[in-house]
């Protein structure tokens, strides 16, 4: 059965691309044709006269997705701020939901599973009239929430899950991602707390620079 996911975070820099690449590689290794998309990428650097979407490129490589980057990531900005604000600040065209939908369908028609990575959290303004929860609803995506294993993750996780529940967004599960190398009692406590907070939605934990647990992948296949 094909599935379509949006990978979002409780905040920026929590490991969304790391998780996305790991899932893309795992799905591809299981024999699936995997489509990936990062509709908008901020904090892009210029390369050969164009803005280069490093995260989108990493996703495509991990999943062996041969779709052109222009389709995988149609909107790119230099600024490290929300897409709606980045478009204004960089004086570039804002994201267009109709075009994003068209690009998504083009990729999905050639794929079995789809992985779409957002920017920041689920309520990050994609345009001034829509956020990534609206994108998930528009494209009928199940949401994978990635939380950084750091102080404050319980509050951020609860807020993200409550927001999606209020908007009737389908949630596939929650993954805790270790963003620091050092082991700590606090990090282990966060995991136990999230297991209680998220209950059946808790998919597992990705340790720092370790492969994604097989049990996480199996729950999403």
N, C-alpha and C. Protein backbone atom coordinates (compact mmCIF):
# COMPACT_ATOMS: atom_id res chain seq x y z
N UNK A 1 0.84 -1.19 0.00
CA UNK A 1 0.00 0.00 0.00
C UNK A 1 0.88 1.25 0.00
N UNK A 2 0.63 2.15 -0.94
CA UNK A 2 1.41 3.38 -1.01
C UNK A 2 0.96 4.34 0.07
N UNK A 3 1.91 5.10 0.59
CA UNK A 3 1.60 6.09 1.61
C UNK A 3 2.29 7.40 1.28
N UNK A 4 1.73 8.48 1.74
CA UNK A 4 2.25 9.81 1.45
C UNK A 4 2.40 10.57 2.76
N UNK A 5 3.61 11.03 3.02
CA UNK A 5 3.91 11.65 4.30
C UNK A 5 4.41 13.08 4.16
N UNK A 6 4.07 13.90 5.14
CA UNK A 6 4.72 15.19 5.33
C UNK A 6 5.59 15.06 6.58
N UNK A 7 6.87 15.38 6.46
CA UNK A 7 7.77 15.37 7.60
C UNK A 7 7.89 16.80 8.11
N UNK A 8 7.40 17.01 9.32
CA UNK A 8 7.47 18.33 9.94
C UNK A 8 8.22 18.24 11.25
N UNK A 9 8.54 19.37 11.82
CA UNK A 9 9.26 19.39 13.09
C UNK A 9 8.51 20.13 14.16
N UNK A 10 8.96 19.96 15.39
CA UNK A 10 8.43 20.78 16.47
C UNK A 10 9.04 22.17 16.41
N UNK A 11 10.10 22.31 15.62
CA UNK A 11 10.82 23.58 15.47
C UNK A 11 11.83 23.38 14.34
N UNK A 12 12.66 24.40 14.09
CA UNK A 12 13.73 24.27 13.12
C UNK A 12 14.91 23.52 13.72
N UNK A 13 15.71 22.91 12.85
CA UNK A 13 16.95 22.23 13.26
C UNK A 13 16.70 21.12 14.27
N UNK A 14 15.71 20.29 14.00
CA UNK A 14 15.42 19.16 14.90
C UNK A 14 15.72 17.81 14.26
N UNK A 15 16.14 17.81 12.98
CA UNK A 15 16.50 16.55 12.33
C UNK A 15 15.54 16.08 11.26
N UNK A 16 14.72 16.99 10.71
CA UNK A 16 13.75 16.59 9.68
C UNK A 16 14.43 15.97 8.46
N UNK A 17 15.46 16.63 7.96
CA UNK A 17 16.13 16.13 6.76
C UNK A 17 16.85 14.82 7.05
N UNK A 18 17.44 14.70 8.22
CA UNK A 18 18.09 13.45 8.61
C UNK A 18 17.09 12.31 8.60
N UNK A 19 15.93 12.53 9.21
CA UNK A 19 14.89 11.51 9.23
C UNK A 19 14.37 11.24 7.82
N UNK A 20 14.15 12.29 7.05
CA UNK A 20 13.65 12.13 5.68
C UNK A 20 14.59 11.31 4.82
N UNK A 21 15.89 11.59 4.92
CA UNK A 21 16.87 10.83 4.15
C UNK A 21 16.91 9.37 4.59
N UNK A 22 16.84 9.16 5.90
CA UNK A 22 16.87 7.79 6.42
C UNK A 22 15.65 7.00 5.95
N UNK A 23 14.48 7.63 5.99
CA UNK A 23 13.27 6.95 5.53
C UNK A 23 13.30 6.72 4.02
N UNK A 24 13.76 7.72 3.28
CA UNK A 24 13.85 7.56 1.83
C UNK A 24 14.75 6.40 1.45
N UNK A 25 15.90 6.30 2.11
CA UNK A 25 16.83 5.21 1.84
C UNK A 25 16.22 3.87 2.22
N UNK A 26 15.55 3.82 3.38
CA UNK A 26 14.96 2.57 3.85
C UNK A 26 13.82 2.10 2.94
N UNK A 27 12.96 3.03 2.52
CA UNK A 27 11.87 2.66 1.62
C UNK A 27 12.42 2.17 0.28
N UNK A 28 13.44 2.87 -0.21
CA UNK A 28 14.05 2.46 -1.48
C UNK A 28 14.70 1.08 -1.35
N UNK A 29 15.35 0.82 -0.23
CA UNK A 29 16.00 -0.47 0.00
C UNK A 29 14.99 -1.61 0.08
N UNK A 30 13.75 -1.27 0.45
CA UNK A 30 12.71 -2.29 0.52
C UNK A 30 12.10 -2.60 -0.84
N UNK A 31 12.59 -1.89 -1.88
CA UNK A 31 12.13 -2.15 -3.23
C UNK A 31 11.10 -1.18 -3.76
N UNK A 32 10.80 -0.14 -3.02
CA UNK A 32 9.79 0.83 -3.44
C UNK A 32 10.38 1.93 -4.31
N UNK A 33 9.54 2.47 -5.19
CA UNK A 33 9.89 3.70 -5.90
C UNK A 33 9.46 4.86 -5.00
N UNK A 34 10.43 5.65 -4.58
CA UNK A 34 10.17 6.69 -3.58
C UNK A 34 10.27 8.08 -4.22
N UNK A 35 9.22 8.84 -4.08
CA UNK A 35 9.25 10.23 -4.51
C UNK A 35 9.50 11.14 -3.33
N UNK A 36 10.29 12.17 -3.54
CA UNK A 36 10.56 13.12 -2.47
C UNK A 36 10.26 14.53 -2.96
N UNK A 37 9.97 15.40 -1.99
CA UNK A 37 9.71 16.79 -2.33
C UNK A 37 9.99 17.67 -1.13
N UNK A 38 10.61 18.79 -1.38
CA UNK A 38 10.72 19.86 -0.39
C UNK A 38 10.23 21.10 -1.11
N UNK A 39 8.92 21.37 -1.02
CA UNK A 39 8.33 22.42 -1.85
C UNK A 39 9.01 23.77 -1.71
N UNK A 40 9.46 24.06 -0.48
CA UNK A 40 10.13 25.33 -0.20
C UNK A 40 11.38 25.05 0.63
N UNK A 41 12.48 25.65 0.24
CA UNK A 41 13.70 25.55 1.06
C UNK A 41 14.25 26.95 1.31
N UNK A 42 14.48 27.24 2.57
CA UNK A 42 15.08 28.51 2.94
C UNK A 42 16.55 28.29 3.29
N UNK A 43 17.26 29.37 3.50
CA UNK A 43 18.69 29.32 3.84
C UNK A 43 19.51 28.66 2.72
N UNK A 44 19.12 28.92 1.48
CA UNK A 44 19.86 28.37 0.33
C UNK A 44 21.08 29.25 0.03
N UNK A 45 22.12 28.63 -0.46
CA UNK A 45 23.30 29.35 -0.90
C UNK A 45 23.31 29.37 -2.43
N UNK A 46 24.02 30.33 -2.97
CA UNK A 46 24.08 30.44 -4.43
C UNK A 46 25.16 29.54 -4.98
N UNK A 47 24.82 28.83 -6.04
CA UNK A 47 25.78 27.95 -6.72
C UNK A 47 25.54 28.04 -8.22
N UNK A 48 26.57 28.39 -8.95
CA UNK A 48 26.48 28.54 -10.41
C UNK A 48 25.34 29.49 -10.80
N UNK A 49 25.21 30.56 -10.04
CA UNK A 49 24.23 31.58 -10.39
C UNK A 49 22.81 31.29 -9.99
N UNK A 50 22.59 30.19 -9.26
CA UNK A 50 21.23 29.84 -8.83
C UNK A 50 21.24 29.42 -7.37
N UNK A 51 20.09 29.54 -6.70
CA UNK A 51 19.99 29.11 -5.32
C UNK A 51 19.92 27.58 -5.26
N UNK A 52 20.79 27.01 -4.44
CA UNK A 52 20.93 25.56 -4.38
C UNK A 52 20.23 24.99 -3.14
N UNK A 53 19.26 24.08 -3.32
CA UNK A 53 18.52 23.50 -2.20
C UNK A 53 19.22 22.24 -1.67
N UNK A 54 20.11 22.40 -0.72
CA UNK A 54 20.93 21.29 -0.24
C UNK A 54 20.09 20.17 0.38
N UNK A 55 19.07 20.53 1.16
CA UNK A 55 18.24 19.51 1.80
C UNK A 55 17.46 18.71 0.76
N UNK A 56 16.89 19.41 -0.21
CA UNK A 56 16.14 18.73 -1.26
C UNK A 56 17.03 17.77 -2.04
N UNK A 57 18.24 18.21 -2.32
CA UNK A 57 19.19 17.36 -3.05
C UNK A 57 19.55 16.13 -2.24
N UNK A 58 19.75 16.30 -0.93
CA UNK A 58 20.07 15.17 -0.06
C UNK A 58 18.92 14.16 -0.04
N UNK A 59 17.70 14.64 0.03
CA UNK A 59 16.54 13.74 0.01
C UNK A 59 16.49 12.94 -1.29
N UNK A 60 16.72 13.62 -2.40
CA UNK A 60 16.68 12.95 -3.70
C UNK A 60 17.75 11.87 -3.81
N UNK A 61 18.95 12.17 -3.35
CA UNK A 61 20.03 11.19 -3.39
C UNK A 61 19.72 9.99 -2.51
N UNK A 62 19.24 10.24 -1.31
CA UNK A 62 18.97 9.15 -0.37
C UNK A 62 17.90 8.20 -0.90
N UNK A 63 16.89 8.76 -1.56
CA UNK A 63 15.77 7.95 -2.05
C UNK A 63 15.96 7.49 -3.48
N UNK A 64 17.09 7.86 -4.10
CA UNK A 64 17.33 7.54 -5.52
C UNK A 64 16.20 8.06 -6.39
N UNK A 65 15.76 9.27 -6.09
CA UNK A 65 14.67 9.91 -6.84
C UNK A 65 15.28 10.76 -7.96
N UNK A 66 14.98 10.39 -9.20
CA UNK A 66 15.62 11.03 -10.35
C UNK A 66 14.83 12.22 -10.90
N UNK A 67 13.80 12.65 -10.21
CA UNK A 67 13.01 13.80 -10.65
C UNK A 67 13.90 15.05 -10.61
N UNK A 68 13.77 15.96 -11.58
CA UNK A 68 14.58 17.19 -11.55
C UNK A 68 14.36 18.00 -10.27
N UNK A 69 15.45 18.62 -9.79
CA UNK A 69 15.37 19.42 -8.56
C UNK A 69 14.39 20.58 -8.70
N UNK A 70 14.20 21.08 -9.91
CA UNK A 70 13.27 22.19 -10.11
C UNK A 70 11.84 21.78 -9.75
N UNK A 71 11.53 20.49 -9.90
CA UNK A 71 10.21 19.99 -9.54
C UNK A 71 10.16 19.60 -8.07
N UNK A 72 11.24 19.01 -7.57
CA UNK A 72 11.31 18.60 -6.16
C UNK A 72 11.26 19.81 -5.23
N UNK A 73 11.94 20.88 -5.63
CA UNK A 73 12.00 22.09 -4.80
C UNK A 73 11.79 23.32 -5.67
N UNK A 74 10.54 23.67 -5.95
CA UNK A 74 10.27 24.80 -6.86
C UNK A 74 10.50 26.18 -6.26
N UNK A 75 10.54 26.29 -4.91
CA UNK A 75 10.69 27.61 -4.28
C UNK A 75 11.88 27.60 -3.33
N UNK A 76 12.81 28.54 -3.57
CA UNK A 76 14.06 28.58 -2.81
C UNK A 76 14.36 30.03 -2.40
N UNK A 77 14.81 30.18 -1.16
CA UNK A 77 15.10 31.52 -0.63
C UNK A 77 16.42 31.52 0.14
N UNK A 78 17.05 32.68 0.15
CA UNK A 78 18.31 32.83 0.89
C UNK A 78 18.07 32.95 2.39
N UNK A 79 17.03 33.65 2.75
CA UNK A 79 16.81 34.01 4.15
C UNK A 79 16.41 32.80 4.99
N UNK A 80 16.88 32.81 6.24
CA UNK A 80 16.55 31.73 7.17
C UNK A 80 15.36 32.15 8.04
N UNK A 81 14.23 32.37 7.39
CA UNK A 81 13.00 32.74 8.07
C UNK A 81 11.86 32.00 7.41
N UNK A 82 10.66 32.17 7.93
CA UNK A 82 9.50 31.47 7.39
C UNK A 82 9.33 31.78 5.90
N UNK A 83 8.87 30.80 5.10
CA UNK A 83 8.76 31.01 3.65
C UNK A 83 8.01 32.26 3.24
N UNK A 84 6.88 32.54 3.89
CA UNK A 84 6.10 33.72 3.52
C UNK A 84 6.91 35.00 3.70
N UNK A 85 7.66 35.07 4.80
CA UNK A 85 8.50 36.24 5.06
C UNK A 85 9.74 36.25 4.18
N UNK A 86 10.31 35.07 3.93
CA UNK A 86 11.52 34.98 3.11
C UNK A 86 11.27 35.47 1.70
N UNK A 87 10.10 35.15 1.15
CA UNK A 87 9.78 35.60 -0.20
C UNK A 87 9.77 37.13 -0.27
N UNK A 88 9.20 37.77 0.73
CA UNK A 88 9.17 39.23 0.75
C UNK A 88 10.56 39.80 0.97
N UNK A 89 11.29 39.25 1.93
CA UNK A 89 12.61 39.77 2.27
C UNK A 89 13.58 39.62 1.11
N UNK A 90 13.53 38.47 0.42
CA UNK A 90 14.45 38.22 -0.70
C UNK A 90 13.94 38.81 -2.01
N UNK A 91 12.73 39.35 -1.99
CA UNK A 91 12.11 39.93 -3.18
C UNK A 91 12.02 38.90 -4.31
N UNK A 92 11.49 37.73 -3.95
CA UNK A 92 11.31 36.64 -4.91
C UNK A 92 9.84 36.22 -4.89
N UNK A 93 9.37 35.53 -5.94
CA UNK A 93 7.97 35.11 -5.96
C UNK A 93 7.63 34.22 -4.76
N UNK A 94 6.47 34.41 -4.16
CA UNK A 94 6.07 33.59 -3.01
C UNK A 94 5.65 32.20 -3.46
N UNK A 95 5.63 31.25 -2.54
CA UNK A 95 5.14 29.91 -2.90
C UNK A 95 3.71 29.97 -3.42
N UNK A 96 3.45 29.19 -4.45
CA UNK A 96 2.12 29.12 -5.04
C UNK A 96 1.59 27.70 -4.82
N UNK A 97 0.50 27.56 -4.06
CA UNK A 97 -0.01 26.25 -3.71
C UNK A 97 -0.45 25.44 -4.92
N UNK A 98 -0.99 26.09 -5.93
CA UNK A 98 -1.41 25.37 -7.13
C UNK A 98 -0.20 24.76 -7.84
N UNK A 99 0.89 25.50 -7.91
CA UNK A 99 2.09 24.98 -8.55
C UNK A 99 2.72 23.87 -7.71
N UNK A 100 2.72 24.03 -6.39
CA UNK A 100 3.24 22.98 -5.52
C UNK A 100 2.43 21.70 -5.72
N UNK A 101 1.11 21.84 -5.80
CA UNK A 101 0.25 20.68 -6.02
C UNK A 101 0.55 20.01 -7.36
N UNK A 102 0.78 20.82 -8.39
CA UNK A 102 1.10 20.26 -9.71
C UNK A 102 2.41 19.47 -9.66
N UNK A 103 3.43 20.05 -9.03
CA UNK A 103 4.72 19.36 -8.91
C UNK A 103 4.58 18.07 -8.09
N UNK A 104 3.78 18.14 -7.03
CA UNK A 104 3.57 16.95 -6.20
C UNK A 104 2.94 15.83 -7.02
N UNK A 105 1.91 16.14 -7.78
CA UNK A 105 1.22 15.12 -8.58
C UNK A 105 2.17 14.52 -9.61
N UNK A 106 3.02 15.35 -10.20
CA UNK A 106 3.98 14.85 -11.18
C UNK A 106 4.92 13.82 -10.56
N UNK A 107 5.39 14.10 -9.34
CA UNK A 107 6.28 13.16 -8.66
C UNK A 107 5.51 11.94 -8.19
N UNK A 108 4.35 12.15 -7.59
CA UNK A 108 3.56 11.05 -7.04
C UNK A 108 3.14 10.05 -8.11
N UNK A 109 2.87 10.54 -9.32
CA UNK A 109 2.46 9.65 -10.41
C UNK A 109 3.56 8.69 -10.83
N UNK A 110 4.80 8.99 -10.43
CA UNK A 110 5.94 8.13 -10.78
C UNK A 110 6.47 7.37 -9.56
N UNK A 111 5.74 7.43 -8.45
CA UNK A 111 6.26 6.89 -7.20
C UNK A 111 5.22 6.04 -6.49
N UNK A 112 5.71 5.20 -5.57
CA UNK A 112 4.82 4.42 -4.71
C UNK A 112 4.61 5.14 -3.37
N UNK A 113 5.69 5.46 -2.69
CA UNK A 113 5.62 6.24 -1.46
C UNK A 113 6.13 7.65 -1.70
N UNK A 114 5.56 8.64 -0.97
CA UNK A 114 5.99 10.02 -1.10
C UNK A 114 6.44 10.55 0.25
N UNK A 115 7.56 11.28 0.24
CA UNK A 115 8.06 11.97 1.43
C UNK A 115 8.19 13.45 1.10
N UNK A 116 7.42 14.27 1.78
CA UNK A 116 7.46 15.72 1.58
C UNK A 116 7.99 16.35 2.86
N UNK A 117 9.04 17.14 2.75
CA UNK A 117 9.61 17.78 3.94
C UNK A 117 9.21 19.24 4.01
N UNK A 118 8.76 19.65 5.18
CA UNK A 118 8.37 21.03 5.39
C UNK A 118 9.54 21.90 5.84
N UNK A 119 9.22 23.11 6.24
CA UNK A 119 10.19 24.06 6.78
C UNK A 119 9.76 24.39 8.21
N UNK A 120 10.65 24.22 9.16
CA UNK A 120 10.30 24.53 10.54
C UNK A 120 9.19 23.63 11.06
N UNK A 121 8.20 24.23 11.72
CA UNK A 121 7.11 23.47 12.32
C UNK A 121 5.86 23.46 11.47
N UNK A 122 4.84 22.76 11.96
CA UNK A 122 3.61 22.56 11.20
C UNK A 122 2.84 23.87 10.98
N UNK A 123 2.99 24.84 11.88
CA UNK A 123 2.28 26.11 11.74
C UNK A 123 3.11 27.20 11.08
N UNK A 124 4.27 26.83 10.55
CA UNK A 124 5.13 27.80 9.86
C UNK A 124 4.38 28.38 8.66
N UNK A 125 4.33 29.70 8.51
CA UNK A 125 3.59 30.27 7.37
C UNK A 125 4.24 29.94 6.03
N UNK A 126 3.55 29.16 5.24
CA UNK A 126 3.99 28.86 3.88
C UNK A 126 3.69 30.04 2.98
N UNK A 127 2.49 30.54 3.10
CA UNK A 127 2.10 31.85 2.54
C UNK A 127 1.44 32.58 3.70
N UNK A 128 1.03 33.82 3.50
CA UNK A 128 0.36 34.55 4.59
C UNK A 128 -1.05 34.03 4.83
N UNK A 129 -1.54 33.16 3.96
CA UNK A 129 -2.89 32.60 4.13
C UNK A 129 -2.88 31.09 4.39
N UNK A 130 -1.70 30.48 4.48
CA UNK A 130 -1.65 29.02 4.65
C UNK A 130 -0.37 28.62 5.36
N UNK A 131 -0.43 27.47 6.03
CA UNK A 131 0.75 26.91 6.68
C UNK A 131 0.93 25.46 6.22
N UNK A 132 1.84 24.72 6.86
CA UNK A 132 2.12 23.37 6.40
C UNK A 132 1.02 22.38 6.80
N UNK A 133 0.20 22.73 7.78
CA UNK A 133 -0.98 21.91 8.07
C UNK A 133 -1.95 21.99 6.89
N UNK A 134 -2.10 23.18 6.32
CA UNK A 134 -2.96 23.35 5.15
C UNK A 134 -2.41 22.57 3.96
N UNK A 135 -1.09 22.56 3.83
CA UNK A 135 -0.47 21.79 2.74
C UNK A 135 -0.76 20.30 2.91
N UNK A 136 -0.62 19.81 4.15
CA UNK A 136 -0.91 18.39 4.42
C UNK A 136 -2.34 18.05 4.06
N UNK A 137 -3.26 18.94 4.41
CA UNK A 137 -4.67 18.69 4.09
C UNK A 137 -4.90 18.72 2.58
N UNK A 138 -4.29 19.69 1.91
CA UNK A 138 -4.48 19.83 0.47
C UNK A 138 -3.97 18.61 -0.30
N UNK A 139 -2.82 18.07 0.12
CA UNK A 139 -2.20 16.95 -0.60
C UNK A 139 -2.56 15.60 0.02
N UNK A 140 -3.40 15.60 1.05
CA UNK A 140 -3.82 14.38 1.74
C UNK A 140 -2.61 13.60 2.25
N UNK A 141 -1.79 14.28 3.04
CA UNK A 141 -0.56 13.68 3.58
C UNK A 141 -0.74 13.31 5.05
N UNK A 142 -0.16 12.18 5.43
CA UNK A 142 -0.04 11.83 6.84
C UNK A 142 1.21 12.53 7.38
N UNK A 143 1.14 13.05 8.58
CA UNK A 143 2.25 13.83 9.10
C UNK A 143 3.12 13.01 10.05
N UNK A 144 4.42 13.04 9.79
CA UNK A 144 5.42 12.50 10.70
C UNK A 144 6.04 13.69 11.42
N UNK A 145 5.90 13.73 12.73
CA UNK A 145 6.43 14.83 13.52
C UNK A 145 7.80 14.43 14.07
N UNK A 146 8.80 15.28 13.83
CA UNK A 146 10.15 15.05 14.35
C UNK A 146 10.40 16.05 15.47
N UNK A 147 10.79 15.53 16.63
CA UNK A 147 11.10 16.39 17.77
C UNK A 147 12.57 16.28 18.12
N UNK A 148 13.23 17.40 18.31
CA UNK A 148 14.62 17.39 18.74
C UNK A 148 14.71 17.05 20.21
N UNK A 149 15.59 16.13 20.54
CA UNK A 149 15.74 15.69 21.93
C UNK A 149 16.56 16.71 22.70
N UNK A 150 15.86 17.74 23.18
CA UNK A 150 16.51 18.83 23.89
C UNK A 150 15.50 19.45 24.85
N UNK A 151 15.94 20.33 25.74
CA UNK A 151 15.00 20.96 26.68
C UNK A 151 13.87 21.68 25.93
N UNK A 152 12.66 21.51 26.43
CA UNK A 152 11.51 22.15 25.81
C UNK A 152 10.76 21.29 24.81
N UNK A 153 11.28 20.08 24.54
CA UNK A 153 10.67 19.28 23.48
C UNK A 153 9.27 18.78 23.86
N UNK A 154 9.02 18.59 25.15
CA UNK A 154 7.69 18.12 25.55
C UNK A 154 6.62 19.16 25.27
N UNK A 155 6.90 20.41 25.62
CA UNK A 155 5.95 21.49 25.36
C UNK A 155 5.74 21.66 23.86
N UNK A 156 6.84 21.69 23.10
CA UNK A 156 6.73 21.87 21.64
C UNK A 156 5.97 20.72 21.00
N UNK A 157 6.20 19.52 21.48
CA UNK A 157 5.52 18.34 20.93
C UNK A 157 4.03 18.40 21.19
N UNK A 158 3.65 18.75 22.43
CA UNK A 158 2.24 18.84 22.77
C UNK A 158 1.54 19.91 21.94
N UNK A 159 2.19 21.05 21.77
CA UNK A 159 1.58 22.13 20.99
C UNK A 159 1.38 21.71 19.53
N UNK A 160 2.38 21.05 18.94
CA UNK A 160 2.28 20.61 17.55
C UNK A 160 1.16 19.59 17.38
N UNK A 161 1.10 18.60 18.26
CA UNK A 161 0.07 17.56 18.16
C UNK A 161 -1.33 18.13 18.39
N UNK A 162 -1.46 19.04 19.35
CA UNK A 162 -2.77 19.66 19.61
C UNK A 162 -3.22 20.51 18.43
N UNK A 163 -2.27 21.21 17.81
CA UNK A 163 -2.60 22.04 16.65
C UNK A 163 -3.13 21.19 15.50
N UNK A 164 -2.46 20.07 15.25
CA UNK A 164 -2.90 19.20 14.15
C UNK A 164 -4.24 18.53 14.47
N UNK A 165 -4.44 18.18 15.74
CA UNK A 165 -5.72 17.61 16.13
C UNK A 165 -6.85 18.60 15.91
N UNK A 166 -6.62 19.86 16.24
CA UNK A 166 -7.64 20.89 16.05
C UNK A 166 -7.98 21.10 14.59
N UNK A 167 -7.01 20.84 13.70
CA UNK A 167 -7.23 21.02 12.26
C UNK A 167 -7.56 19.71 11.56
N UNK A 168 -7.75 18.65 12.35
CA UNK A 168 -8.13 17.32 11.82
C UNK A 168 -7.11 16.79 10.81
N UNK A 169 -5.83 17.01 11.11
CA UNK A 169 -4.75 16.53 10.27
C UNK A 169 -4.38 15.10 10.70
N UNK A 170 -4.18 14.22 9.73
CA UNK A 170 -3.79 12.84 10.03
C UNK A 170 -2.32 12.80 10.48
N UNK A 171 -2.07 12.19 11.61
CA UNK A 171 -0.71 12.07 12.14
C UNK A 171 -0.27 10.62 12.07
N UNK A 172 0.82 10.35 11.36
CA UNK A 172 1.35 8.99 11.25
C UNK A 172 2.14 8.60 12.48
N UNK A 173 2.77 9.58 13.13
CA UNK A 173 3.53 9.27 14.33
C UNK A 173 4.57 10.32 14.65
N UNK A 174 5.24 10.09 15.77
CA UNK A 174 6.23 11.03 16.31
C UNK A 174 7.58 10.32 16.45
N UNK A 175 8.63 10.97 15.97
CA UNK A 175 9.99 10.44 16.09
C UNK A 175 10.83 11.42 16.89
N UNK A 176 11.49 10.93 17.92
CA UNK A 176 12.41 11.75 18.71
C UNK A 176 13.79 11.61 18.11
N UNK A 177 14.44 12.74 17.82
CA UNK A 177 15.74 12.72 17.16
C UNK A 177 16.81 13.33 18.07
N UNK A 178 17.85 12.55 18.35
CA UNK A 178 18.97 13.05 19.14
C UNK A 178 19.80 13.99 18.28
N UNK A 179 19.81 15.27 18.62
CA UNK A 179 20.56 16.23 17.82
C UNK A 179 21.92 16.54 18.41
N UNK A 180 22.19 16.00 19.62
CA UNK A 180 23.50 16.15 20.26
C UNK A 180 24.11 14.78 20.47
N UNK A 181 25.42 14.73 20.40
CA UNK A 181 26.12 13.45 20.53
C UNK A 181 26.12 12.93 21.96
N UNK A 182 26.24 13.83 22.93
CA UNK A 182 26.40 13.43 24.32
C UNK A 182 25.14 12.76 24.86
N UNK A 183 25.33 11.63 25.54
CA UNK A 183 24.24 10.95 26.23
C UNK A 183 23.92 11.69 27.53
N UNK A 184 22.69 11.70 27.93
CA UNK A 184 22.33 12.35 29.19
C UNK A 184 21.08 11.71 29.76
N UNK A 185 20.93 11.83 31.07
CA UNK A 185 19.72 11.32 31.72
C UNK A 185 18.50 12.08 31.25
N UNK A 186 18.69 13.39 30.98
CA UNK A 186 17.56 14.21 30.54
C UNK A 186 17.03 13.72 29.18
N UNK A 187 17.95 13.34 28.28
CA UNK A 187 17.54 12.86 26.96
C UNK A 187 16.73 11.57 27.09
N UNK A 188 17.16 10.67 27.96
CA UNK A 188 16.42 9.44 28.18
C UNK A 188 15.07 9.71 28.83
N UNK A 189 15.03 10.69 29.72
CA UNK A 189 13.77 11.05 30.37
C UNK A 189 12.80 11.63 29.36
N UNK A 190 13.31 12.44 28.42
CA UNK A 190 12.45 12.98 27.37
C UNK A 190 11.76 11.85 26.60
N UNK A 191 12.52 10.81 26.29
CA UNK A 191 11.93 9.70 25.53
C UNK A 191 10.81 9.03 26.33
N UNK A 192 11.06 8.73 27.59
CA UNK A 192 10.03 8.08 28.40
C UNK A 192 8.79 8.97 28.54
N UNK A 193 9.03 10.27 28.68
CA UNK A 193 7.91 11.20 28.80
C UNK A 193 7.10 11.26 27.51
N UNK A 194 7.79 11.28 26.37
CA UNK A 194 7.09 11.35 25.09
C UNK A 194 6.31 10.07 24.80
N UNK A 195 6.83 8.95 25.24
CA UNK A 195 6.09 7.70 25.08
C UNK A 195 4.75 7.78 25.80
N UNK A 196 4.75 8.42 26.96
CA UNK A 196 3.50 8.58 27.72
C UNK A 196 2.62 9.67 27.10
N UNK A 197 3.26 10.75 26.62
CA UNK A 197 2.52 11.86 26.05
C UNK A 197 1.86 11.48 24.72
N UNK A 198 2.62 10.82 23.85
CA UNK A 198 2.14 10.51 22.50
C UNK A 198 1.44 9.15 22.41
N UNK A 199 1.67 8.30 23.39
CA UNK A 199 1.07 6.97 23.43
C UNK A 199 1.28 6.23 22.10
N UNK A 200 0.18 5.89 21.42
CA UNK A 200 0.30 5.07 20.21
C UNK A 200 0.98 5.80 19.05
N UNK A 201 1.09 7.12 19.14
CA UNK A 201 1.72 7.87 18.05
C UNK A 201 3.25 7.82 18.11
N UNK A 202 3.82 7.37 19.20
CA UNK A 202 5.27 7.38 19.34
C UNK A 202 5.88 6.26 18.48
N UNK A 203 6.70 6.65 17.50
CA UNK A 203 7.31 5.68 16.59
C UNK A 203 8.67 5.19 17.07
N UNK A 204 9.40 6.03 17.80
CA UNK A 204 10.72 5.62 18.27
C UNK A 204 11.69 6.78 18.28
N UNK A 205 12.93 6.45 18.57
CA UNK A 205 13.99 7.44 18.73
C UNK A 205 15.14 7.16 17.78
N UNK A 206 15.64 8.20 17.13
CA UNK A 206 16.83 8.07 16.29
C UNK A 206 18.02 8.60 17.07
N UNK A 207 18.95 7.71 17.37
CA UNK A 207 20.14 8.09 18.12
C UNK A 207 21.08 8.91 17.24
N UNK A 208 21.93 9.70 17.88
CA UNK A 208 22.83 10.59 17.15
C UNK A 208 23.75 9.80 16.23
N UNK A 209 23.66 10.09 14.93
CA UNK A 209 24.50 9.48 13.89
C UNK A 209 24.44 7.96 13.89
N UNK A 210 23.28 7.42 14.20
CA UNK A 210 23.05 5.99 14.10
C UNK A 210 21.95 5.75 13.07
N UNK A 211 21.90 4.55 12.47
CA UNK A 211 20.83 4.27 11.49
C UNK A 211 19.45 4.35 12.13
N UNK A 212 18.48 4.64 11.32
CA UNK A 212 17.11 4.68 11.79
C UNK A 212 16.68 3.27 12.17
N UNK A 213 16.06 3.15 13.34
CA UNK A 213 15.66 1.83 13.83
C UNK A 213 14.71 1.14 12.85
N UNK A 214 14.93 -0.14 12.65
CA UNK A 214 14.10 -0.92 11.73
C UNK A 214 12.64 -0.90 12.14
N UNK A 215 12.39 -0.86 13.45
CA UNK A 215 11.01 -0.85 13.94
C UNK A 215 10.26 0.41 13.51
N UNK A 216 10.97 1.55 13.41
CA UNK A 216 10.33 2.79 12.95
C UNK A 216 9.89 2.65 11.51
N UNK A 217 10.79 2.14 10.68
CA UNK A 217 10.49 1.96 9.25
C UNK A 217 9.31 1.02 9.07
N UNK A 218 9.31 -0.08 9.80
CA UNK A 218 8.24 -1.07 9.67
C UNK A 218 6.87 -0.50 9.99
N UNK A 219 6.82 0.41 10.96
CA UNK A 219 5.55 1.02 11.33
C UNK A 219 5.01 1.94 10.25
N UNK A 220 5.89 2.39 9.34
CA UNK A 220 5.49 3.35 8.31
C UNK A 220 5.32 2.72 6.92
N UNK A 221 5.64 1.45 6.83
CA UNK A 221 5.48 0.76 5.53
C UNK A 221 4.04 0.31 5.33
